[in-house]
Amino acid sequence: MDVKSVKFDLIRWLTELQDKAVLEKLLAFKDESEKLHELKPEYMEELENRLIKYEAGEMKFSSWDAVKNRVKNSAKDKL
């Protein structure tokens, strides 16, 4: 069964569901699932600060090759 079919089946089942205990468990599961995707306030603040710097043109970026070389050279220096 593909994802779309599963969703439709669950929607149909939910619209007919009368068991309050099951509905409460599903709601708790949904709330817990959403919490897993929330960022901590300090992470949100850091992202906002970076976005402000990016929009102001104050951020420096490196190519992937430059980053790889920097890491390789750093590792060689530590050996």
Protein backbone atom coordinates (compact mmCIF):
# COMPACT_ATOMS: atom_id res chain seq x y z
CA MET A 1 0.00 0.00 0.00
CA ASP A 2 1.45 3.39 -0.95
CA VAL A 3 1.65 6.36 1.42
CA LYS A 4 -1.33 8.16 -0.10
CA SER A 5 -3.55 5.09 0.32
CA VAL A 6 -2.43 4.66 3.93
CA LYS A 7 -3.27 8.30 4.68
CA PHE A 8 -6.72 8.00 3.15
CA ASP A 9 -7.35 4.80 5.07
CA LEU A 10 -6.31 6.44 8.34
CA ILE A 11 -8.42 9.53 7.65
CA ARG A 12 -11.47 7.37 6.98
CA TRP A 13 -10.79 5.35 10.14
CA LEU A 14 -10.34 8.50 12.26
CA THR A 15 -13.57 10.07 11.04
CA GLU A 16 -15.48 6.99 12.18
CA LEU A 17 -13.55 6.42 15.42
CA GLN A 18 -15.62 6.90 18.60
CA ASP A 19 -13.22 5.50 21.23
CA LYS A 20 -12.15 8.53 23.27
CA ALA A 21 -9.19 6.69 24.85
CA VAL A 22 -7.76 5.87 21.43
CA LEU A 23 -8.29 9.45 20.25
CA GLU A 24 -6.50 10.78 23.34
CA LYS A 25 -3.57 8.44 22.73
CA LEU A 26 -3.38 9.54 19.09
CA LEU A 27 -3.47 13.19 20.13
CA ALA A 28 -0.68 12.59 22.66
CA PHE A 29 1.35 10.82 19.98
CA LYS A 30 0.79 13.73 17.57
CA ASP A 31 1.83 16.30 20.21
CA GLU A 32 4.95 14.33 21.13
CA SER A 33 5.85 13.91 17.47
CA GLU A 34 5.54 17.64 16.87
CA LYS A 35 7.76 18.39 19.87
CA LEU A 36 10.53 16.30 18.33
CA HIS A 37 10.62 18.67 15.38
CA GLU A 38 10.68 21.88 17.42
CA LEU A 39 13.98 23.68 17.85
CA LYS A 40 15.17 24.84 21.22
CA PRO A 41 14.93 28.61 21.71
CA GLU A 42 18.72 29.00 21.73
CA TYR A 43 18.96 27.22 18.36
CA MET A 44 16.24 29.45 16.92
CA GLU A 45 18.08 32.52 18.19
CA GLU A 46 21.33 31.37 16.56
CA LEU A 47 19.55 30.71 13.28
CA GLU A 48 17.97 34.17 13.39
CA ASN A 49 21.38 35.76 14.04
CA ARG A 50 22.91 33.87 11.14
CA LEU A 51 20.05 34.85 8.84
CA ILE A 52 20.53 38.52 9.74
CA LYS A 53 24.26 38.25 9.01
CA TYR A 54 23.59 36.41 5.74
CA GLU A 55 21.08 39.01 4.55
CA ALA A 56 23.54 41.79 5.47
CA GLY A 57 26.29 40.08 3.44
CA GLU A 58 28.42 39.57 6.55
CA MET A 59 28.93 35.82 6.22
CA LYS A 60 31.84 34.12 4.54
CA PHE A 61 31.41 30.85 2.70
CA SER A 62 33.88 28.24 1.51
CA SER A 63 33.70 25.77 -1.32
CA TRP A 64 33.54 22.08 -0.48
CA ASP A 65 37.07 21.60 -1.83
CA ALA A 66 38.40 24.40 0.38
CA VAL A 67 36.77 22.85 3.44
CA LYS A 68 38.18 19.40 2.65
CA ASN A 69 41.68 20.84 2.21
CA ARG A 70 41.40 22.80 5.44
CA VAL A 71 40.35 19.67 7.35
CA LYS A 72 43.08 17.54 5.76
CA ASN A 73 45.75 20.12 6.56
CA SER A 74 44.47 20.46 10.11
CA ALA A 75 44.65 16.69 10.57
CA LYS A 76 48.20 16.59 9.17
CA ASP A 77 49.28 19.34 11.57
CA LYS A 78 48.01 17.32 14.53
CA LEU A 79 49.95 14.21 13.55
